[in-house]
Amino acid sequence: MYAVISFDDIDEMDFLPLNWIADITTLSDTQKVMRQRIVAQAYWLPSKLNVSKAKKHCLDPEVTWPVYSARILSIEMCNRVTVIFQLLKSKSLTPQIC
């Protein structure tokens, strides 16, 4: 599963595997953070690594990866994440749990 997120420090959205969200171990924890609009800490790959490949394979984050403040906008299955991401990015749709 994936989360569509909005980074707090920069005006950008992206999606990432749920295991890249720090300190969240269950889907219900992730849903709670999203519903309450709590700022989460999200791991992101250093620029030298292949982000697309890492997302596709849901690689486990390493402690050396930078961490950014982000808000979870949506939680999606793999086959829907890119579609929902594009919709949220283009139309600022209300966050949802699927």
Protein backbone atom coordinates (compact mmCIF):
# COMPACT_ATOMS: atom_id res chain seq x y z
CA MET A 1 0.00 0.00 0.00
CA TYR A 2 1.00 3.58 -0.60
CA ALA A 3 0.37 7.01 0.87
CA VAL A 4 -0.12 10.15 -1.16
CA ILE A 5 1.58 12.87 0.87
CA SER A 6 2.07 16.60 0.92
CA PHE A 7 5.44 17.77 2.18
CA ASP A 8 5.19 20.55 4.77
CA ASP A 9 8.57 22.17 4.09
CA ILE A 10 8.15 22.43 0.33
CA ASP A 11 5.08 22.90 -1.82
CA GLU A 12 5.09 19.42 -3.36
CA MET A 13 3.07 16.23 -3.32
CA ASP A 14 4.19 12.70 -4.06
CA PHE A 15 3.40 9.12 -3.16
CA LEU A 16 5.46 6.60 -1.28
CA PRO A 17 5.19 3.14 0.22
CA LEU A 18 3.61 3.12 3.70
CA ASN A 19 6.81 1.67 5.16
CA TRP A 20 8.51 5.01 4.38
CA ILE A 21 6.37 6.74 7.02
CA ALA A 22 8.40 6.77 10.25
CA ASP A 23 6.96 5.46 13.53
CA ILE A 24 3.76 4.09 12.00
CA THR A 25 3.45 0.33 12.15
CA THR A 26 -0.16 -0.44 11.27
CA LEU A 27 -2.70 0.64 8.68
CA SER A 28 -5.01 1.87 11.46
CA ASP A 29 -2.19 4.10 12.80
CA THR A 30 -1.75 5.52 9.30
CA GLN A 31 -5.48 6.15 8.94
CA LYS A 32 -5.58 7.91 12.32
CA VAL A 33 -2.65 10.17 11.37
CA MET A 34 -4.40 11.00 8.10
CA ARG A 35 -7.84 11.68 9.62
CA GLN A 36 -6.40 13.90 12.35
CA ARG A 37 -4.08 15.67 9.88
CA ILE A 38 -1.12 14.96 12.12
CA VAL A 39 2.30 15.77 10.69
CA ALA A 40 4.19 12.55 10.00
CA GLN A 41 7.85 12.01 9.33
CA ALA A 42 8.49 10.51 5.90
CA TYR A 43 11.71 8.97 4.67
CA TRP A 44 12.83 9.97 1.20
CA LEU A 45 15.63 8.58 -0.90
CA PRO A 46 18.81 10.54 -1.40
CA SER A 47 18.78 12.01 -4.90
CA LYS A 48 21.43 9.64 -6.21
CA LEU A 49 19.16 6.61 -5.89
CA ASN A 50 16.40 5.49 -8.26
CA VAL A 51 13.20 6.69 -6.57
CA SER A 52 10.82 5.03 -9.05
CA LYS A 53 12.40 1.61 -8.62
CA ALA A 54 12.51 1.95 -4.83
CA LYS A 55 8.82 2.92 -4.72
CA LYS A 56 7.81 0.07 -7.02
CA HIS A 57 9.58 -2.52 -4.88
CA CYS A 58 8.65 -0.86 -1.55
CA LEU A 59 12.24 -0.94 -0.39
CA ASP A 60 12.73 -0.56 3.34
CA PRO A 61 14.07 2.90 4.20
CA GLU A 62 17.58 3.13 5.58
CA VAL A 63 18.48 5.21 8.63
CA THR A 64 20.72 7.33 6.39
CA TRP A 65 17.76 8.52 4.26
CA PRO A 66 16.64 12.09 4.95
CA VAL A 67 13.34 12.54 6.81
CA TYR A 68 10.79 15.23 5.94
CA SER A 69 7.62 16.49 7.60
CA ALA A 70 4.57 15.50 5.59
CA ARG A 71 0.81 15.05 5.81
CA ILE A 72 -0.92 11.94 4.51
CA LEU A 73 -3.64 12.87 2.02
CA SER A 74 -4.74 9.41 0.88
CA ILE A 75 -3.97 5.74 1.37
CA GLU A 76 -4.12 3.64 -1.78
CA MET A 77 -3.47 0.21 -3.19
CA CYS A 78 -0.67 -0.10 -5.74
CA ASN A 79 -2.95 -0.20 -8.78
CA ARG A 80 -4.72 3.08 -7.81
CA VAL A 81 -1.97 5.23 -6.35
CA THR A 82 -0.77 6.97 -9.50
CA VAL A 83 -4.33 7.81 -10.60
CA ILE A 84 -5.32 9.19 -7.19
CA PHE A 85 -2.03 11.09 -6.93
CA GLN A 86 -2.66 12.82 -10.26
CA LEU A 87 -6.25 13.69 -9.28
CA LEU A 88 -5.21 15.13 -5.93
CA LYS A 89 -2.39 17.08 -7.52
CA SER A 90 -4.54 18.56 -10.29
CA LYS A 91 -7.80 19.19 -8.48
CA SER A 92 -6.95 19.42 -4.77
CA LEU A 93 -9.52 16.77 -3.93
CA THR A 94 -10.47 16.03 -0.36
CA PRO A 95 -8.22 13.40 1.24
CA GLN A 96 -9.79 9.97 1.49
CA ILE A 97 -9.27 6.52 2.90
CA CYS A 98 -9.74 3.69 0.42
